[in-house]
């Protein structure tokens, strides 16, 4: 996985983004220790189901380096902590405090909370699943507003998606998953495009974000039904 990260970073390094994007964070650089501890502790092993998110959240992977990485869940359930450096050009309204961050990430609480309730221990969960993000970058506007990758111009998104597609294909080669499940429409569509020549089923579940009304009515039950309907039995 270290080689995949290094190759991805090399492809991302020359990319530039124009306004309204004013700040770009890459947790694989300043929070790499957190991400690599996540992989070293739980990664590897063939035949898992990859749950694929879009990109890091400001109070999740941005702080810990772990996808959907709500600080409390990462520290207390996954048993991971690490020293997190500061990103270059930090946004004053989006500070990186690492594992000292007092804020939680709702999406991360819901995803890892479901895993905890359903499987009990992280090791039982990771025997069957792996959680990743398609894009490692976080884009912010001057106001501090998050700008998701799907809102970038085509000239900006094309080389970004090329790099992320390549990393996803390499990850699939290592894990050899039985399914790749996009968390939300964006991740689902990108996985379909990136893995079009790979013999792996690609599916979709609802995103746990509080911006998704369906998720606010019981995300765990909702996605278990969605998984079941795609032949993924929890």
C-alpha atoms as a PDB file:
ATOM      1  CA  UNK A   1       0.000   0.000   0.000  1.00  0.00           C
ATOM      2  CA  UNK A   2       2.910   2.344   0.641  1.00  0.00           C
ATOM      3  CA  UNK A   3       3.850   2.118  -3.047  1.00  0.00           C
ATOM      4  CA  UNK A   4       0.289   2.914  -4.122  1.00  0.00           C
ATOM      5  CA  UNK A   5       0.263   5.978  -1.884  1.00  0.00           C
ATOM      6  CA  UNK A   6       3.631   7.140  -3.203  1.00  0.00           C
ATOM      7  CA  UNK A   7       2.562   6.693  -6.827  1.00  0.00           C
ATOM      8  CA  UNK A   8      -0.685   8.542  -6.162  1.00  0.00           C
ATOM      9  CA  UNK A   9       1.111  11.428  -4.477  1.00  0.00           C
ATOM     10  CA  UNK A  10       3.488  11.719  -7.423  1.00  0.00           C
ATOM     11  CA  UNK A  11       0.544  12.025  -9.816  1.00  0.00           C
ATOM     12  CA  UNK A  12      -1.225  14.563  -7.592  1.00  0.00           C
ATOM     13  CA  UNK A  13       1.773  16.774  -6.895  1.00  0.00           C
ATOM     14  CA  UNK A  14       1.735  18.830 -10.142  1.00  0.00           C
ATOM     15  CA  UNK A  15      -2.034  19.433 -10.105  1.00  0.00           C
ATOM     16  CA  UNK A  16      -3.308  22.967  -9.601  1.00  0.00           C
ATOM     17  CA  UNK A  17      -6.787  24.191  -8.761  1.00  0.00           C
ATOM     18  CA  UNK A  18      -8.314  27.587  -9.456  1.00  0.00           C
ATOM     19  CA  UNK A  19     -10.815  29.722  -7.551  1.00  0.00           C
ATOM     20  CA  UNK A  20     -13.278  29.264  -6.004  1.00  0.00           C
ATOM     21  CA  UNK A  21     -10.882  26.630  -4.588  1.00  0.00           C
ATOM     22  CA  UNK A  22      -8.359  28.459  -2.400  1.00  0.00           C
ATOM     23  CA  UNK A  23      -7.060  25.702  -0.112  1.00  0.00           C
ATOM     24  CA  UNK A  24      -6.304  22.016  -0.756  1.00  0.00           C
ATOM     25  CA  UNK A  25      -5.485  19.505   1.999  1.00  0.00           C
ATOM     26  CA  UNK A  26      -3.920  16.110   1.349  1.00  0.00           C
ATOM     27  CA  UNK A  27      -4.113  13.890   4.461  1.00  0.00           C
ATOM     28  CA  UNK A  28      -1.926  11.283   2.755  1.00  0.00           C
ATOM     29  CA  UNK A  29       0.924  13.757   3.226  1.00  0.00           C
ATOM     30  CA  UNK A  30       0.497  15.390   6.631  1.00  0.00           C
ATOM     31  CA  UNK A  31      -1.548  12.555   8.211  1.00  0.00           C
ATOM     32  CA  UNK A  32       0.207   9.687   6.470  1.00  0.00           C
ATOM     33  CA  UNK A  33       1.192   8.076   9.776  1.00  0.00           C
ATOM     34  CA  UNK A  34      -2.485   7.724  10.667  1.00  0.00           C
ATOM     35  CA  UNK A  35      -3.401   6.249   7.296  1.00  0.00           C
ATOM     36  CA  UNK A  36      -0.513   3.781   7.251  1.00  0.00           C
ATOM     37  CA  UNK A  37      -1.318   2.580  10.797  1.00  0.00           C
ATOM     38  CA  UNK A  38      -4.857   1.958   9.585  1.00  0.00           C
ATOM     39  CA  UNK A  39      -3.580  -0.117   6.664  1.00  0.00           C
ATOM     40  CA  UNK A  40      -0.918  -1.958   8.668  1.00  0.00           C
ATOM     41  CA  UNK A  41      -3.405  -2.889  11.381  1.00  0.00           C
ATOM     42  CA  UNK A  42      -6.392  -3.869   9.261  1.00  0.00           C
ATOM     43  CA  UNK A  43      -5.462  -3.960   5.571  1.00  0.00           C
ATOM     44  CA  UNK A  44      -4.524  -6.868   3.365  1.00  0.00           C
ATOM     45  CA  UNK A  45      -6.275 -10.150   2.805  1.00  0.00           C
ATOM     46  CA  UNK A  46      -8.142 -11.101  -0.339  1.00  0.00           C
ATOM     47  CA  UNK A  47     -11.877 -11.392  -0.897  1.00  0.00           C
ATOM     48  CA  UNK A  48     -13.051  -8.416   1.142  1.00  0.00           C
ATOM     49  CA  UNK A  49     -15.784  -5.967   0.227  1.00  0.00           C
ATOM     50  CA  UNK A  50     -14.481  -2.471  -0.408  1.00  0.00           C
ATOM     51  CA  UNK A  51     -16.700   0.336   0.866  1.00  0.00           C
ATOM     52  CA  UNK A  52     -15.613   3.350  -1.166  1.00  0.00           C
ATOM     53  CA  UNK A  53     -16.256   6.933  -0.072  1.00  0.00           C
ATOM     54  CA  UNK A  54     -15.811  10.126  -2.089  1.00  0.00           C
ATOM     55  CA  UNK A  55     -13.105  12.160  -0.321  1.00  0.00           C
ATOM     56  CA  UNK A  56     -12.112  13.137   3.237  1.00  0.00           C
ATOM     57  CA  UNK A  57     -14.400  15.096   5.518  1.00  0.00           C
ATOM     58  CA  UNK A  58     -13.064  18.110   7.448  1.00  0.00           C
ATOM     59  CA  UNK A  59     -13.659  16.477  10.850  1.00  0.00           C
ATOM     60  CA  UNK A  60     -12.805  12.930   9.794  1.00  0.00           C
ATOM     61  CA  UNK A  61      -9.923  11.836   7.577  1.00  0.00           C
ATOM     62  CA  UNK A  62      -8.657  15.433   7.517  1.00  0.00           C
ATOM     63  CA  UNK A  63      -7.924  15.039  11.235  1.00  0.00           C
ATOM     64  CA  UNK A  64      -6.894  11.387  11.547  1.00  0.00           C
ATOM     65  CA  UNK A  65      -5.789  10.145   8.122  1.00  0.00           C
ATOM     66  CA  UNK A  66      -8.400   7.352   8.328  1.00  0.00           C
ATOM     67  CA  UNK A  67     -11.347   7.291   5.873  1.00  0.00           C
ATOM     68  CA  UNK A  68     -14.541   8.450   7.616  1.00  0.00           C
ATOM     69  CA  UNK A  69     -12.154   8.910  10.530  1.00  0.00           C
ATOM     70  CA  UNK A  70     -14.197  10.423  13.324  1.00  0.00           C
ATOM     71  CA  UNK A  71     -11.627  10.966  16.087  1.00  0.00           C
ATOM     72  CA  UNK A  72     -13.561   9.142  18.805  1.00  0.00           C
ATOM     73  CA  UNK A  73     -14.297   6.069  16.681  1.00  0.00           C
ATOM     74  CA  UNK A  74     -10.762   5.852  15.309  1.00  0.00           C
ATOM     75  CA  UNK A  75      -9.128   6.182  18.704  1.00  0.00           C
ATOM     76  CA  UNK A  76     -11.566   4.237  20.869  1.00  0.00           C
ATOM     77  CA  UNK A  77     -12.863   1.518  18.547  1.00  0.00           C
ATOM     78  CA  UNK A  78     -10.227   1.109  15.848  1.00  0.00           C
ATOM     79  CA  UNK A  79      -7.498   1.605  18.431  1.00  0.00           C
ATOM     80  CA  UNK A  80      -5.468   3.928  16.224  1.00  0.00           C
ATOM     81  CA  UNK A  81      -3.708   7.138  17.157  1.00  0.00           C
ATOM     82  CA  UNK A  82      -0.836   8.954  15.517  1.00  0.00           C
ATOM     83  CA  UNK A  83       0.976  12.241  15.455  1.00  0.00           C
ATOM     84  CA  UNK A  84      -0.591  14.398  12.747  1.00  0.00           C
ATOM     85  CA  UNK A  85       1.356  17.212  11.132  1.00  0.00           C
ATOM     86  CA  UNK A  86      -0.092  20.455   9.769  1.00  0.00           C
ATOM     87  CA  UNK A  87      -1.052  20.815   6.111  1.00  0.00           C
ATOM     88  CA  UNK A  88       0.603  23.436   3.980  1.00  0.00           C
ATOM     89  CA  UNK A  89      -1.392  26.658   3.668  1.00  0.00           C
ATOM     90  CA  UNK A  90      -3.980  25.791   6.353  1.00  0.00           C
ATOM     91  CA  UNK A  91      -7.383  27.429   6.153  1.00  0.00           C
ATOM     92  CA  UNK A  92      -8.079  29.486   9.316  1.00  0.00           C
ATOM     93  CA  UNK A  93     -11.639  28.151   9.466  1.00  0.00           C
ATOM     94  CA  UNK A  94     -10.643  24.511   8.944  1.00  0.00           C
ATOM     95  CA  UNK A  95      -7.848  23.824  11.447  1.00  0.00           C
ATOM     96  CA  UNK A  96      -6.165  20.459  11.620  1.00  0.00           C
ATOM     97  CA  UNK A  97      -5.876  19.445  15.262  1.00  0.00           C
ATOM     98  CA  UNK A  98      -5.346  15.744  14.694  1.00  0.00           C
ATOM     99  CA  UNK A  99      -6.508  13.478  17.506  1.00  0.00           C
ATOM    100  CA  UNK A 100      -7.010  16.533  19.716  1.00  0.00           C
ATOM    101  CA  UNK A 101      -9.869  17.707  17.484  1.00  0.00           C
ATOM    102  CA  UNK A 102     -12.956  18.157  19.686  1.00  0.00           C
ATOM    103  CA  UNK A 103     -15.448  17.890  16.824  1.00  0.00           C
ATOM    104  CA  UNK A 104     -16.941  14.680  15.543  1.00  0.00           C
ATOM    105  CA  UNK A 105     -17.845  13.613  12.029  1.00  0.00           C
ATOM    106  CA  UNK A 106     -21.433  12.397  11.707  1.00  0.00           C
ATOM    107  CA  UNK A 107     -20.726  10.252   8.642  1.00  0.00           C
ATOM    108  CA  UNK A 108     -17.837   8.568  10.418  1.00  0.00           C
ATOM    109  CA  UNK A 109     -19.833   8.005  13.595  1.00  0.00           C
ATOM    110  CA  UNK A 110     -22.574   6.349  11.565  1.00  0.00           C
ATOM    111  CA  UNK A 111     -20.324   4.143   9.436  1.00  0.00           C
ATOM    112  CA  UNK A 112     -18.010   2.923  12.177  1.00  0.00           C
ATOM    113  CA  UNK A 113     -20.886   2.836  14.647  1.00  0.00           C
ATOM    114  CA  UNK A 114     -22.713   0.441  12.333  1.00  0.00           C
ATOM    115  CA  UNK A 115     -19.582  -1.681  12.025  1.00  0.00           C
ATOM    116  CA  UNK A 116     -19.206  -1.789  15.806  1.00  0.00           C
ATOM    117  CA  UNK A 117     -22.855  -2.656  16.444  1.00  0.00           C
ATOM    118  CA  UNK A 118     -22.986  -5.324  13.749  1.00  0.00           C
ATOM    119  CA  UNK A 119     -19.559  -6.984  14.117  1.00  0.00           C
ATOM    120  CA  UNK A 120     -18.477  -6.178  17.662  1.00  0.00           C
ATOM    121  CA  UNK A 121     -14.735  -5.984  17.059  1.00  0.00           C
ATOM    122  CA  UNK A 122     -12.749  -4.248  14.319  1.00  0.00           C
ATOM    123  CA  UNK A 123     -11.027  -7.490  13.357  1.00  0.00           C
ATOM    124  CA  UNK A 124     -14.348  -9.207  12.648  1.00  0.00           C
ATOM    125  CA  UNK A 125     -15.423  -6.263  10.512  1.00  0.00           C
ATOM    126  CA  UNK A 126     -12.163  -6.113   8.565  1.00  0.00           C
ATOM    127  CA  UNK A 127     -12.263  -9.816   7.851  1.00  0.00           C
ATOM    128  CA  UNK A 128     -15.061  -8.920   5.436  1.00  0.00           C
ATOM    129  CA  UNK A 129     -14.735  -5.214   4.645  1.00  0.00           C
ATOM    130  CA  UNK A 130     -12.230  -2.494   3.812  1.00  0.00           C
ATOM    131  CA  UNK A 131     -13.111   1.203   3.898  1.00  0.00           C
ATOM    132  CA  UNK A 132     -11.362   3.584   1.504  1.00  0.00           C
ATOM    133  CA  UNK A 133     -11.829   6.953  -0.177  1.00  0.00           C
ATOM    134  CA  UNK A 134     -11.697   7.417  -3.928  1.00  0.00           C
ATOM    135  CA  UNK A 135     -10.035  10.841  -3.764  1.00  0.00           C
ATOM    136  CA  UNK A 136      -7.633  11.793  -0.945  1.00  0.00           C
ATOM    137  CA  UNK A 137      -7.852  15.557  -1.452  1.00  0.00           C
ATOM    138  CA  UNK A 138     -10.037  18.092   0.346  1.00  0.00           C
ATOM    139  CA  UNK A 139     -11.009  21.291  -1.481  1.00  0.00           C
ATOM    140  CA  UNK A 140     -12.065  24.445   0.338  1.00  0.00           C
ATOM    141  CA  UNK A 141     -13.266  27.847  -0.764  1.00  0.00           C
ATOM    142  CA  UNK A 142     -12.224  31.141   0.820  1.00  0.00           C
ATOM    143  CA  UNK A 143     -15.275  31.051   3.086  1.00  0.00           C
ATOM    144  CA  UNK A 144     -14.248  27.635   4.407  1.00  0.00           C
ATOM    145  CA  UNK A 145     -17.011  25.921   2.471  1.00  0.00           C
ATOM    146  CA  UNK A 146     -16.202  22.417   1.297  1.00  0.00           C
ATOM    147  CA  UNK A 147     -16.079  21.949  -2.479  1.00  0.00           C
ATOM    148  CA  UNK A 148     -16.558  18.335  -3.509  1.00  0.00           C
ATOM    149  CA  UNK A 149     -14.561  16.805  -6.399  1.00  0.00           C
ATOM    150  CA  UNK A 150     -17.619  16.579  -8.639  1.00  0.00           C
ATOM    151  CA  UNK A 151     -17.869  20.388  -8.582  1.00  0.00           C
ATOM    152  CA  UNK A 152     -14.408  20.919 -10.106  1.00  0.00           C
ATOM    153  CA  UNK A 153     -14.019  22.036 -13.697  1.00  0.00           C
ATOM    154  CA  UNK A 154     -13.310  19.322 -16.257  1.00  0.00           C
ATOM    155  CA  UNK A 155      -9.763  20.591 -16.835  1.00  0.00           C
ATOM    156  CA  UNK A 156      -9.107  20.188 -13.097  1.00  0.00           C
ATOM    157  CA  UNK A 157     -11.010  16.949 -12.522  1.00  0.00           C
ATOM    158  CA  UNK A 158      -9.685  14.982 -15.513  1.00  0.00           C
ATOM    159  CA  UNK A 159      -6.067  14.579 -14.275  1.00  0.00           C
ATOM    160  CA  UNK A 160      -7.288  14.212 -10.688  1.00  0.00           C
ATOM    161  CA  UNK A 161      -9.658  11.388 -11.598  1.00  0.00           C
ATOM    162  CA  UNK A 162      -6.976   9.730 -13.727  1.00  0.00           C
ATOM    163  CA  UNK A 163      -4.715   9.554 -10.681  1.00  0.00           C
ATOM    164  CA  UNK A 164      -7.498   8.334  -8.379  1.00  0.00           C
ATOM    165  CA  UNK A 165      -8.682   5.737 -10.918  1.00  0.00           C
ATOM    166  CA  UNK A 166      -5.159   4.363 -11.110  1.00  0.00           C
ATOM    167  CA  UNK A 167      -4.872   4.116  -7.314  1.00  0.00           C
ATOM    168  CA  UNK A 168      -8.259   2.391  -7.055  1.00  0.00           C
ATOM    169  CA  UNK A 169      -7.316  -0.197  -9.668  1.00  0.00           C
ATOM    170  CA  UNK A 170      -4.046  -0.919  -7.861  1.00  0.00           C
ATOM    171  CA  UNK A 171      -5.886  -1.256  -4.550  1.00  0.00           C
ATOM    172  CA  UNK A 172      -8.301  -3.723  -6.143  1.00  0.00           C
ATOM    173  CA  UNK A 173      -5.351  -5.734  -7.448  1.00  0.00           C
ATOM    174  CA  UNK A 174      -4.034  -6.067  -3.875  1.00  0.00           C
ATOM    175  CA  UNK A 175      -7.307  -6.758  -2.073  1.00  0.00           C
ATOM    176  CA  UNK A 176      -9.026  -8.755  -4.851  1.00  0.00           C
ATOM    177  CA  UNK A 177     -12.448  -7.783  -3.463  1.00  0.00           C
ATOM    178  CA  UNK A 178     -15.646  -9.692  -4.021  1.00  0.00           C
ATOM    179  CA  UNK A 179     -17.526  -6.393  -4.387  1.00  0.00           C
ATOM    180  CA  UNK A 180     -16.734  -2.710  -4.576  1.00  0.00           C
ATOM    181  CA  UNK A 181     -19.556  -0.686  -3.036  1.00  0.00           C
ATOM    182  CA  UNK A 182     -19.652   3.061  -3.621  1.00  0.00           C
ATOM    183  CA  UNK A 183     -20.891   5.057  -0.648  1.00  0.00           C
ATOM    184  CA  UNK A 184     -23.087   7.540  -2.489  1.00  0.00           C
ATOM    185  CA  UNK A 185     -23.531   8.215  -6.203  1.00  0.00           C
ATOM    186  CA  UNK A 186     -20.197   9.886  -6.892  1.00  0.00           C
ATOM    187  CA  UNK A 187     -18.058   7.029  -5.576  1.00  0.00           C
ATOM    188  CA  UNK A 188     -20.324   4.505  -7.301  1.00  0.00           C
ATOM    189  CA  UNK A 189     -20.004   6.169 -10.698  1.00  0.00           C
ATOM    190  CA  UNK A 190     -16.247   6.665 -10.387  1.00  0.00           C
ATOM    191  CA  UNK A 191     -15.784   3.007  -9.407  1.00  0.00           C
ATOM    192  CA  UNK A 192     -17.833   1.923 -12.410  1.00  0.00           C
ATOM    193  CA  UNK A 193     -15.632   3.948 -14.748  1.00  0.00           C
ATOM    194  CA  UNK A 194     -12.314   3.049 -13.131  1.00  0.00           C
ATOM    195  CA  UNK A 195     -13.079  -0.679 -12.879  1.00  0.00           C
ATOM    196  CA  UNK A 196     -14.881  -1.147 -16.178  1.00  0.00           C
ATOM    197  CA  UNK A 197     -12.256  -3.642 -17.381  1.00  0.00           C
ATOM    198  CA  UNK A 198     -11.934  -5.394 -14.027  1.00  0.00           C
ATOM    199  CA  UNK A 199     -14.058  -8.412 -13.224  1.00  0.00           C
ATOM    200  CA  UNK A 200     -15.526  -7.198  -9.947  1.00  0.00           C
ATOM    201  CA  UNK A 201     -19.156  -6.287  -9.176  1.00  0.00           C
ATOM    202  CA  UNK A 202     -19.670  -2.606  -8.411  1.00  0.00           C
ATOM    203  CA  UNK A 203     -22.640  -1.509  -6.296  1.00  0.00           C
ATOM    204  CA  UNK A 204     -23.907   1.421  -4.279  1.00  0.00           C
ATOM    205  CA  UNK A 205     -25.224   2.249  -0.817  1.00  0.00           C
ATOM    206  CA  UNK A 206     -26.607   5.501   0.570  1.00  0.00           C
ATOM    207  CA  UNK A 207     -24.173   7.996   2.018  1.00  0.00           C
ATOM    208  CA  UNK A 208     -24.345   8.443   5.831  1.00  0.00           C
ATOM    209  CA  UNK A 209     -24.048  12.238   5.613  1.00  0.00           C
ATOM    210  CA  UNK A 210     -26.676  14.226   7.552  1.00  0.00           C
ATOM    211  CA  UNK A 211     -27.224  16.072   4.256  1.00  0.00           C
ATOM    212  CA  UNK A 212     -28.866  12.861   3.011  1.00  0.00           C
ATOM    213  CA  UNK A 213     -32.459  12.809   4.349  1.00  0.00           C
ATOM    214  CA  UNK A 214     -32.723   9.029   3.978  1.00  0.00           C
ATOM    215  CA  UNK A 215     -29.650   8.536   6.156  1.00  0.00           C
ATOM    216  CA  UNK A 216     -31.248  10.502   8.960  1.00  0.00           C
ATOM    217  CA  UNK A 217     -34.096   7.985   9.221  1.00  0.00           C
ATOM    218  CA  UNK A 218     -31.912   5.021  10.145  1.00  0.00           C
ATOM    219  CA  UNK A 219     -28.784   4.606   8.033  1.00  0.00           C
ATOM    220  CA  UNK A 220     -27.770   1.199   9.385  1.00  0.00           C
ATOM    221  CA  UNK A 221     -31.048  -0.516   8.497  1.00  0.00           C
ATOM    222  CA  UNK A 222     -31.158   1.296   5.162  1.00  0.00           C
ATOM    223  CA  UNK A 223     -27.739   0.194   3.965  1.00  0.00           C
ATOM    224  CA  UNK A 224     -28.113  -3.363   5.221  1.00  0.00           C
ATOM    225  CA  UNK A 225     -31.168  -3.694   2.989  1.00  0.00           C
ATOM    226  CA  UNK A 226     -29.290  -2.082   0.106  1.00  0.00           C
ATOM    227  CA  UNK A 227     -26.374  -4.464   0.593  1.00  0.00           C
ATOM    228  CA  UNK A 228     -28.710  -7.449   0.824  1.00  0.00           C
ATOM    229  CA  UNK A 229     -30.434  -6.456  -2.422  1.00  0.00           C
ATOM    230  CA  UNK A 230     -27.021  -6.549  -4.149  1.00  0.00           C
ATOM    231  CA  UNK A 231     -26.127  -9.970  -2.829  1.00  0.00           C
ATOM    232  CA  UNK A 232     -23.936  -8.711   0.023  1.00  0.00           C
ATOM    233  CA  UNK A 233     -25.174 -10.434   3.160  1.00  0.00           C
ATOM    234  CA  UNK A 234     -24.056  -8.938   6.466  1.00  0.00           C
END
